[in-house]
Structure formats: structure tokens, C-alpha cells
Amino acid sequence: MIKSRMMCLILALLAVLCVTGAVWAADQAGNVFVSGNDPEELTVERDLYWAGGTRTFTGYSIGKSLLAAGRDIMVSDTEIGGSLRAAGYKARLDGVDVADNITAAAYDLRLTDVTASGVYLAGNSVYFNGTADCMRISAGNVYLKGDIAGDVSISGGKVQLAESLHVGGTLTVHTKEQVLIPVNAKIGNVVYDESNPPIPIKVTIGEYTADIPMAHRVRSLALGMLGAVLVGALICLLPGGGELRKTAAVVQEPPGILWVAGFAGLIAVVLIFWCLLRSRFDLPDGNMTELLIHIALFFSPVFAGVMFANTWLPRVTHNRVLNNELVCSILGAAVFRLLRAIPILGAILVVVTIIYTLGFFLCAAVLRLSSVVSGS
């Protein structure tokens, strides 16, 4: 509905400007019509109409409403006694005080330090930080920050809420993606689509605080541990596992070479991915790329745990059971997966194990290539 209203607004603006036939004109009612050049004065008695390519309104005082249609629209440090209505490709509002409503549609919308009664926005990307009585947003990506006294309705794709967000009424979210509610955000009530419940993190809704259900935590950790143990056992039992464990002791000599290779490999992967993004080559489907990343994040700590346990555990204990390769692999995978569940330590562990895994396979590949060359 908002987008259709914006289309009607654009047509109305262009019709009015075509009828006037003037680049800049003011009528007897105090309204100003602009197409291209700037108004002669920064003070407009009633309404200001503008259409063109790019325009920056700075330090204006508009008695009634601002109606603008163009490619890039920038409004800053401006007071508007009525409403602001804008349509274009890009719209920026910064330090704008609107007595009535803001209605805007653009591919890229960014509102910072704005004040209005009602705010109604539509676009691909919407950023809002300001004060309003109520709000409706329809966009692919939404970032919401500020103080909204009444209700907020968001319909779109990815929705991000700031820690400092305050919503006095009901926040209604229509999206297929999960939405994180920061613990410090003050929200009177939250309503989700039935098909999209809120992600179970610690949330604060008004004065009510809820924690992640303990059953959910235990189930998630148990499944992760089970998966890690199974993968660790497979690394040990499958053909080639013995070669990997033998290689683990070799590739770490001289000391530090594995880590240098892993860090260089990580930089190379990032650069290759960045070059692919900027090239004309199509990357894999987004879901497939996300799946591969999740596999890498899961496999690296498990693999590093298996190699670490098989390399170092026999050196610190002479227990025959603990020195068994299968037991070492299972223990290493389980311990590293458990450490990964610790918030800060887990993030550090993932980065370190990714570097280790990349370095391991790079060094192993070089050793294998060297043996092939020397054998020939």
C-alpha cells in the first residue's frame, strides 16, 4: 500500500511541475515549486514541491509540507511544519524535525536523528534512528533504533533491532527470518508470525525477562557433542585416518610452519572470495555457500581436536585405554566441541582451528607433492 501511494505521489508531483512549466516558482498561496535549481530562499511559507535528479535541502524552514521526487534526496537540519513525502532511488534524512508524518519510498532509505508523528517507509534497505509516535516499515533489510512511543509494524526480510531501541506499544514483525531481540531493548509487547517464532535468546519485553529454555540448551549441546564424536570416530576409522595422524606429527616441524601456512591460506581464501564477488563469475547459491561455511565451522574444531589428542595425549599419559587412537579421537573431538560452546573462548577456538586445519592440509599437500616429485 505504501509503494502504491508513493507512485501516486510521483505522478502528482510531475503533473504539478509540468503544469507550472517553471524551474522555480512561487504562487500566491505561499507554495514553492522547484525543478532543478534551488529555491531563492531557505524559508517556505507553505508547501515545497521538488522534482529532479539530486537535491540537498540543508537549513530549510518549511511552513507546511515537503514533497520531493528524484534520484537522490538529502534533507538535513530542516524544520517542517507539516509532513514530508519523498520518493526516489536514495533518500537521506538527518536532523529533520517533522511536525506531522514522514512517508518515503526509496531503494535505500536512511533516517538519522529525525522526529515525526507517524513514520511510513518502504524500500530495499531501511535504517531508522529517531523519535516517532508510531511506525510502519516494508523493506528487505531493516535496522531500527530510537524511541517509538506507540506501535511498530515491520514487514520484510532481515530485521535488526538496536540495544537502545524503545517501543512503548506493540512491535509486530512479519518476516520469514528469525529476529534477535537485544536484552536491553525496551519493548511493550512483541507479535510474530506464527510460522516465525522469536529466536530463543535472553530477551527483555517491558519488565518481563525470559531466559533460553534449559531443555533447548541441553538438547542443542547434546546433538553437537554427538555429531562431533561421530565425526571424530570416522576420521580415526575410515581409510586414510592413520595417514592423517602420522602426518600430524610431521607437518608441525619446524615449529610454527603449520600456523604460518594456515594464516596465509585463510588470507588467500578471503581474497579469492572477494575477487569472485567483484568479478562476473557467479558464486554458488547463497544457501549452498552458507551450508559450506557451517560445515567448515563444525569440521575444523573436530579435526583439530582429533589431531591434537592423538599427538599430545600419548606424550602425557601412559594409560593404554587413553592412548588408544579411537579413544583419543573421540576425546579430542568432544573436548574441542565442548570448548566451542563457551561464548568468547568458542569464537577464538573456531578461528584458531580453522587456521590449523588449513595449515595442516596445505603442509600435507606440499609434503605429498615433494615425495611424488622426488620419487619420480
Protein backbone atom coordinates (compact mmCIF):
# COMPACT_ATOMS: atom_id res chain seq x y z
CA MET A 1 0.00 0.00 0.00
CA ILE A 2 2.85 2.38 0.83
CA LYS A 3 4.54 1.78 -2.52
CA SER A 4 1.34 2.43 -4.45
CA ARG A 5 0.86 5.67 -2.58
CA MET A 6 4.39 6.67 -3.48
CA MET A 7 3.70 6.05 -7.16
CA CYS A 8 0.64 8.26 -6.96
CA LEU A 9 2.77 10.90 -5.25
CA ILE A 10 5.38 10.83 -8.02
CA LEU A 11 2.74 11.19 -10.73
CA ALA A 12 1.08 14.04 -8.85
CA LEU A 13 4.36 15.88 -8.39
CA LEU A 14 5.37 15.56 -12.02
CA ALA A 15 1.92 16.66 -13.16
CA VAL A 16 2.04 19.76 -10.98
CA LEU A 17 5.53 20.69 -12.12
CA CYS A 18 4.69 20.18 -15.78
CA VAL A 19 1.64 22.39 -15.42
CA THR A 20 3.66 25.20 -13.87
CA GLY A 21 6.30 24.91 -16.60
CA ALA A 22 8.80 26.72 -14.37
CA VAL A 23 12.17 25.79 -12.94
CA TRP A 24 11.47 27.82 -9.81
CA ALA A 25 8.14 29.43 -8.99
CA ALA A 26 6.12 30.60 -6.02
CA ASP A 27 2.39 31.12 -6.12
CA GLN A 28 0.11 33.49 -4.23
CA ALA A 29 -0.70 30.81 -1.65
CA GLY A 30 2.92 30.70 -0.48
CA ASN A 31 3.78 27.36 -2.10
CA VAL A 32 7.10 26.89 -3.90
CA PHE A 33 7.64 24.65 -6.99
CA VAL A 34 11.18 23.63 -7.91
CA SER A 35 12.55 21.59 -10.79
CA GLY A 36 16.33 21.66 -10.98
CA ASN A 37 17.53 24.93 -9.44
CA ASP A 38 17.49 25.80 -5.77
CA PRO A 39 14.77 27.98 -4.23
CA GLU A 40 15.86 31.58 -3.76
CA GLU A 41 15.04 31.49 -0.04
CA LEU A 42 15.51 28.90 2.66
CA THR A 43 12.16 29.78 4.20
CA VAL A 44 8.98 28.49 2.55
CA GLU A 45 5.66 29.79 3.82
CA ARG A 46 3.59 26.72 2.97
CA ASP A 47 4.47 23.69 0.80
CA LEU A 48 7.69 23.00 -1.10
CA TYR A 49 7.42 20.78 -4.22
CA TRP A 50 10.58 19.48 -5.86
CA ALA A 51 11.43 17.02 -8.66
CA GLY A 52 14.82 16.38 -10.26
CA GLY A 53 17.98 14.29 -10.15
CA THR A 54 19.85 15.10 -6.94
CA ARG A 55 18.97 17.67 -4.31
CA THR A 56 20.23 18.53 -0.82
CA PHE A 57 17.96 20.53 1.47
CA THR A 58 20.00 21.98 4.33
CA GLY A 59 18.80 24.52 6.87
CA TYR A 60 15.33 24.96 5.41
CA SER A 61 12.27 26.10 7.29
CA ILE A 62 9.09 24.86 5.61
CA GLY A 63 5.76 26.05 6.96
CA LYS A 64 3.72 23.09 5.78
CA SER A 65 4.94 20.08 3.78
CA LEU A 66 7.91 19.00 1.67
CA LEU A 67 7.04 16.82 -1.36
CA ALA A 68 10.08 15.55 -3.28
CA ALA A 69 10.65 13.07 -6.10
CA GLY A 70 14.08 12.38 -7.63
CA ARG A 71 17.07 10.09 -7.80
CA ASP A 72 18.93 11.23 -4.66
CA ILE A 73 17.15 13.25 -1.98
CA MET A 74 19.07 14.57 1.04
CA VAL A 75 17.40 16.61 3.77
CA SER A 76 19.33 17.85 6.81
CA ASP A 77 18.89 20.36 9.64
CA THR A 78 15.42 21.22 8.40
CA GLU A 79 12.16 22.04 10.18
CA ILE A 80 8.90 21.05 8.51
CA GLY A 81 5.61 22.29 9.92
CA GLY A 82 3.54 19.66 8.12
CA SER A 83 4.56 16.34 6.54
CA LEU A 84 7.50 15.09 4.49
CA ARG A 85 6.76 12.88 1.50
CA ALA A 86 9.56 11.64 -0.73
CA ALA A 87 10.16 9.06 -3.46
CA GLY A 88 13.43 8.24 -5.22
CA TYR A 89 16.37 5.85 -5.51
CA LYS A 90 18.20 7.09 -2.42
CA ALA A 91 16.85 9.21 0.42
CA ARG A 92 18.79 10.57 3.40
CA LEU A 93 17.17 12.45 6.30
CA ASP A 94 19.47 13.80 9.01
CA GLY A 95 18.43 16.14 11.80
CA VAL A 96 14.94 16.69 10.40
CA ASP A 97 12.06 17.79 12.63
CA VAL A 98 8.68 16.98 11.07
CA ALA A 99 5.52 18.08 12.87
CA ASP A 100 3.26 15.52 11.19
CA ASN A 101 4.25 12.41 9.21
CA ILE A 102 7.17 11.09 7.17
CA THR A 103 6.15 9.00 4.16
CA ALA A 104 9.02 7.83 1.96
CA ALA A 105 9.79 5.15 -0.62
CA ALA A 106 13.29 4.53 -1.99
CA TYR A 107 15.69 1.72 -2.75
CA ASP A 108 17.98 2.95 0.04
CA LEU A 109 16.46 4.87 2.96
CA ARG A 110 18.47 6.24 5.88
CA LEU A 111 16.87 8.37 8.60
CA THR A 112 19.09 9.68 11.41
CA ASP A 113 18.16 11.96 14.28
CA VAL A 114 14.66 12.58 12.93
CA THR A 115 11.47 13.46 14.77
CA ALA A 116 7.96 12.88 13.44
CA SER A 117 4.47 11.84 14.44
CA GLY A 118 3.94 8.89 12.10
CA VAL A 119 6.71 7.26 10.02
CA TYR A 120 5.81 5.15 6.96
CA LEU A 121 8.72 3.74 4.94
CA ALA A 122 9.16 1.33 2.03
CA GLY A 123 12.29 0.22 0.18
CA ASN A 124 15.01 -2.36 -0.17
CA SER A 125 17.12 -1.14 2.77
CA VAL A 126 15.79 0.99 5.63
CA TYR A 127 17.79 2.45 8.53
CA PHE A 128 15.92 4.43 11.19
CA ASN A 129 17.25 6.22 14.24
CA GLY A 130 14.94 8.80 15.71
CA THR A 131 11.74 9.57 17.57
CA ALA A 132 8.18 8.89 16.42
CA ASP A 133 4.69 8.20 17.73
CA CYS A 134 4.12 5.15 15.50
CA MET A 135 5.75 3.43 12.55
CA ARG A 136 5.19 1.08 9.61
CA ILE A 137 8.06 -0.29 7.53
CA SER A 138 8.12 -2.57 4.49
CA ALA A 139 11.64 -3.42 3.32
CA GLY A 140 14.09 -6.20 2.53
CA ASN A 141 16.55 -5.12 5.25
CA VAL A 142 15.53 -3.11 8.30
CA TYR A 143 17.64 -1.63 11.10
CA LEU A 144 15.59 0.01 13.84
CA LYS A 145 16.92 2.24 16.58
CA GLY A 146 15.41 5.05 18.60
CA ASP A 147 12.29 5.79 20.61
CA ILE A 148 8.81 4.98 19.27
CA ALA A 149 6.05 5.83 21.69
CA GLY A 150 3.33 3.67 20.10
CA ASP A 151 3.09 0.63 17.83
CA VAL A 152 5.60 -0.52 15.21
CA SER A 153 4.82 -2.84 12.29
CA ILE A 154 7.66 -4.29 10.20
CA SER A 155 7.18 -6.41 7.10
CA GLY A 156 10.19 -7.64 5.16
CA GLY A 157 13.28 -9.81 5.19
CA LYS A 158 16.15 -9.30 7.63
CA VAL A 159 15.21 -7.25 10.71
CA GLN A 160 17.82 -5.93 13.15
CA LEU A 161 16.93 -4.22 16.43
CA ALA A 162 19.33 -1.99 18.37
CA GLU A 163 20.14 -2.45 22.04
CA SER A 164 18.85 1.05 22.78
CA LEU A 165 15.51 0.56 20.99
CA HIS A 166 12.41 1.60 22.92
CA VAL A 167 8.93 0.72 21.71
CA GLY A 168 6.13 1.79 24.00
CA GLY A 169 3.42 -0.18 22.19
CA THR A 170 3.41 -3.45 20.25
CA LEU A 171 6.16 -4.49 17.86
CA THR A 172 4.64 -6.62 15.08
CA VAL A 173 7.10 -8.46 12.84
CA HIS A 174 6.18 -10.19 9.56
CA THR A 175 9.29 -11.97 8.24
CA LYS A 176 10.45 -15.46 7.36
CA GLU A 177 13.78 -14.92 9.12
CA GLN A 178 14.45 -15.12 12.84
CA VAL A 179 14.69 -11.84 14.74
CA LEU A 180 17.05 -11.22 17.65
CA ILE A 181 15.65 -9.11 20.48
CA PRO A 182 18.53 -7.48 22.40
CA VAL A 183 18.41 -7.91 26.14
CA ASN A 184 18.48 -4.14 26.78
CA ALA A 185 15.78 -3.23 24.27
CA LYS A 186 12.59 -1.99 25.95
CA ILE A 187 9.54 -3.29 24.09
CA GLY A 188 5.98 -3.27 25.40
CA ASN A 189 4.91 -6.39 23.52
CA VAL A 190 6.12 -8.48 20.58
CA VAL A 191 3.93 -10.22 18.00
CA TYR A 192 5.42 -12.57 15.40
CA ASP A 193 4.05 -14.56 12.51
CA GLU A 194 3.06 -17.98 13.78
CA SER A 195 5.45 -19.54 11.27
CA ASN A 196 8.35 -17.46 12.60
CA PRO A 197 8.71 -17.57 16.39
CA PRO A 198 11.38 -15.37 18.01
CA ILE A 199 14.81 -16.87 18.33
CA PRO A 200 15.20 -18.24 21.88
CA ILE A 201 17.75 -15.87 23.41
CA LYS A 202 17.53 -13.89 26.59
CA VAL A 203 15.02 -11.12 25.94
CA THR A 204 13.51 -8.23 27.83
CA ILE A 205 9.91 -7.31 27.00
CA GLY A 206 8.78 -4.43 29.18
CA GLU A 207 9.55 -5.60 32.72
CA TYR A 208 9.47 -9.31 31.80
CA THR A 209 12.72 -11.21 31.33
CA ALA A 210 12.96 -14.73 29.96
CA ASP A 211 16.00 -16.99 29.53
CA ILE A 212 16.70 -19.67 26.96
CA PRO A 213 14.84 -22.82 28.00
CA MET A 214 17.29 -25.21 29.69
CA ALA A 215 15.90 -28.13 27.70
CA HIS A 216 16.76 -26.32 24.46
CA ARG A 217 20.33 -25.66 25.64
CA VAL A 218 20.90 -29.25 26.73
CA ARG A 219 19.40 -30.69 23.52
CA SER A 220 21.46 -28.40 21.29
CA LEU A 221 24.71 -29.16 23.15
CA ALA A 222 23.98 -32.91 23.22
CA LEU A 223 23.37 -33.03 19.46
CA GLY A 224 26.54 -31.04 18.82
CA MET A 225 28.58 -33.34 21.03
CA LEU A 226 27.12 -36.43 19.38
CA GLY A 227 27.92 -35.10 15.91
CA ALA A 228 31.48 -34.22 16.97
CA VAL A 229 32.08 -37.67 18.46
CA LEU A 230 30.78 -39.41 15.33
CA VAL A 231 32.92 -37.29 13.01
CA GLY A 232 35.96 -37.81 15.25
CA ALA A 233 35.44 -41.57 15.17
CA LEU A 234 35.06 -41.52 11.39
CA ILE A 235 38.33 -39.60 11.00
CA CYS A 236 40.03 -42.34 13.01
CA LEU A 237 38.35 -45.39 11.49
CA LEU A 238 37.96 -44.52 7.83
CA PRO A 239 40.75 -45.43 5.39
CA GLY A 240 43.36 -42.69 5.42
CA GLY A 241 42.85 -41.80 9.06
CA GLY A 242 46.15 -43.38 10.05
CA GLU A 243 47.99 -41.36 7.43
CA LEU A 244 46.44 -38.16 8.77
CA ARG A 245 47.61 -38.93 12.30
CA LYS A 246 51.12 -39.72 11.10
CA THR A 247 51.18 -36.53 9.09
CA ALA A 248 50.08 -34.52 12.15
CA ALA A 249 53.47 -35.04 13.80
CA VAL A 250 55.42 -34.30 10.61
CA VAL A 251 53.75 -31.10 9.42
CA GLN A 252 54.45 -29.36 12.74
CA GLU A 253 58.21 -29.48 12.10
CA PRO A 254 59.78 -26.97 12.02
CA PRO A 255 57.71 -25.29 14.75
CA GLY A 256 55.35 -22.60 13.50
CA ILE A 257 55.38 -23.53 9.82
CA LEU A 258 51.87 -25.01 10.06
CA TRP A 259 50.45 -21.81 11.57
CA VAL A 260 52.15 -19.58 9.00
CA ALA A 261 50.73 -21.73 6.20
CA GLY A 262 47.27 -21.73 7.77
CA PHE A 263 47.19 -17.96 8.22
CA ALA A 264 48.38 -17.44 4.66
CA GLY A 265 45.75 -19.89 3.45
CA LEU A 266 42.99 -18.04 5.32
CA ILE A 267 44.04 -14.72 3.77
CA ALA A 268 44.13 -16.38 0.34
CA VAL A 269 40.60 -17.78 0.79
CA VAL A 270 39.27 -14.36 1.81
CA LEU A 271 40.99 -12.64 -1.14
CA ILE A 272 39.71 -15.24 -3.62
CA PHE A 273 36.17 -14.87 -2.33
CA TRP A 274 36.45 -11.07 -2.51
CA CYS A 275 37.74 -11.26 -6.11
CA LEU A 276 34.86 -13.56 -7.06
CA LEU A 277 32.38 -11.09 -5.59
CA ARG A 278 33.83 -8.31 -7.75
CA SER A 279 34.09 -10.43 -10.88
CA ARG A 280 31.46 -11.55 -13.34
CA PHE A 281 31.65 -15.15 -12.21
CA ASP A 282 28.58 -16.40 -10.39
CA LEU A 283 29.12 -17.61 -6.85
CA PRO A 284 27.31 -20.72 -5.60
CA ASP A 285 23.75 -20.35 -4.41
CA GLY A 286 23.50 -18.45 -1.12
CA ASN A 287 22.09 -21.44 0.77
CA MET A 288 24.87 -23.68 -0.56
CA THR A 289 27.54 -21.15 0.42
CA GLU A 290 26.05 -20.86 3.90
CA LEU A 291 26.00 -24.67 4.20
CA LEU A 292 29.68 -24.92 3.24
CA ILE A 293 30.59 -22.28 5.82
CA HIS A 294 28.68 -24.14 8.54
CA ILE A 295 30.45 -27.39 7.58
CA ALA A 296 33.83 -25.66 7.82
CA LEU A 297 32.94 -24.14 11.21
CA PHE A 298 31.87 -27.55 12.52
CA PHE A 299 34.64 -29.67 10.99
CA SER A 300 37.65 -27.51 11.91
CA PRO A 301 37.35 -27.78 15.74
CA VAL A 302 36.58 -31.52 15.49
CA PHE A 303 39.53 -32.22 13.18
CA ALA A 304 41.91 -30.10 15.26
CA GLY A 305 40.72 -31.86 18.43
CA VAL A 306 41.35 -35.29 16.91
CA MET A 307 44.84 -34.37 15.73
CA PHE A 308 45.71 -32.60 18.99
CA ALA A 309 44.61 -35.53 21.16
CA ASN A 310 46.41 -38.15 19.06
CA THR A 311 49.60 -36.06 19.01
CA TRP A 312 49.84 -34.92 22.64
CA LEU A 313 47.80 -37.27 24.81
CA PRO A 314 50.22 -40.23 24.41
CA ARG A 315 53.04 -37.92 25.49
CA VAL A 316 51.44 -37.01 28.83
CA THR A 317 49.88 -40.35 29.84
CA HIS A 318 50.84 -43.99 29.60
CA ASN A 319 47.32 -45.30 30.11
CA ARG A 320 46.70 -47.91 27.41
CA VAL A 321 42.99 -47.06 27.17
CA LEU A 322 43.57 -43.30 26.79
CA ASN A 323 46.38 -43.91 24.30
CA ASN A 324 44.08 -45.89 22.04
CA GLU A 325 43.70 -43.99 18.75
CA LEU A 326 39.91 -44.29 18.70
CA VAL A 327 39.59 -43.12 22.32
CA CYS A 328 41.98 -40.21 21.66
CA SER A 329 39.98 -39.16 18.61
CA ILE A 330 36.66 -39.26 20.45
CA LEU A 331 38.02 -37.40 23.49
CA GLY A 332 39.68 -34.72 21.37
CA ALA A 333 36.59 -34.12 19.26
CA ALA A 334 34.30 -34.00 22.32
CA VAL A 335 36.51 -31.64 24.33
CA PHE A 336 37.00 -29.19 21.47
CA ARG A 337 33.26 -29.22 20.71
CA LEU A 338 32.54 -28.53 24.38
CA LEU A 339 35.02 -25.64 24.44
CA ARG A 340 33.38 -24.23 21.30
CA ALA A 341 30.12 -23.82 23.26
CA ILE A 342 31.79 -21.30 25.61
CA PRO A 343 30.85 -17.82 24.24
CA ILE A 344 34.15 -15.92 23.88
CA LEU A 345 36.55 -18.86 24.07
CA GLY A 346 34.48 -20.70 21.45
CA ALA A 347 34.84 -17.89 18.91
CA ILE A 348 38.61 -17.78 19.44
CA LEU A 349 38.80 -21.57 19.19
CA VAL A 350 36.96 -21.61 15.86
CA VAL A 351 39.36 -19.07 14.31
CA VAL A 352 42.44 -20.89 15.63
CA THR A 353 41.23 -24.32 14.48
CA ILE A 354 40.35 -23.02 11.01
CA ILE A 355 43.90 -21.69 10.67
CA TYR A 356 45.26 -25.02 11.99
CA THR A 357 43.14 -27.11 9.60
CA LEU A 358 44.07 -25.00 6.57
CA GLY A 359 47.75 -25.12 7.54
CA PHE A 360 47.61 -28.88 8.11
CA PHE A 361 46.21 -29.71 4.69
CA LEU A 362 48.45 -27.19 2.92
CA CYS A 363 51.57 -28.63 4.57
CA ALA A 364 50.36 -32.18 3.92
CA ALA A 365 49.79 -31.33 0.25
CA VAL A 366 53.30 -29.85 -0.06
CA LEU A 367 54.85 -32.92 1.58
CA ARG A 368 52.89 -35.23 -0.68
CA LEU A 369 53.88 -33.25 -3.78
CA SER A 370 57.52 -33.28 -2.70
CA SER A 371 57.50 -37.05 -2.21
CA VAL A 372 55.93 -37.56 -5.63
CA VAL A 373 58.49 -35.31 -7.32
CA SER A 374 61.43 -36.90 -5.53
CA GLY A 375 60.10 -40.39 -6.28
CA SER A 376 59.86 -39.65 -9.99
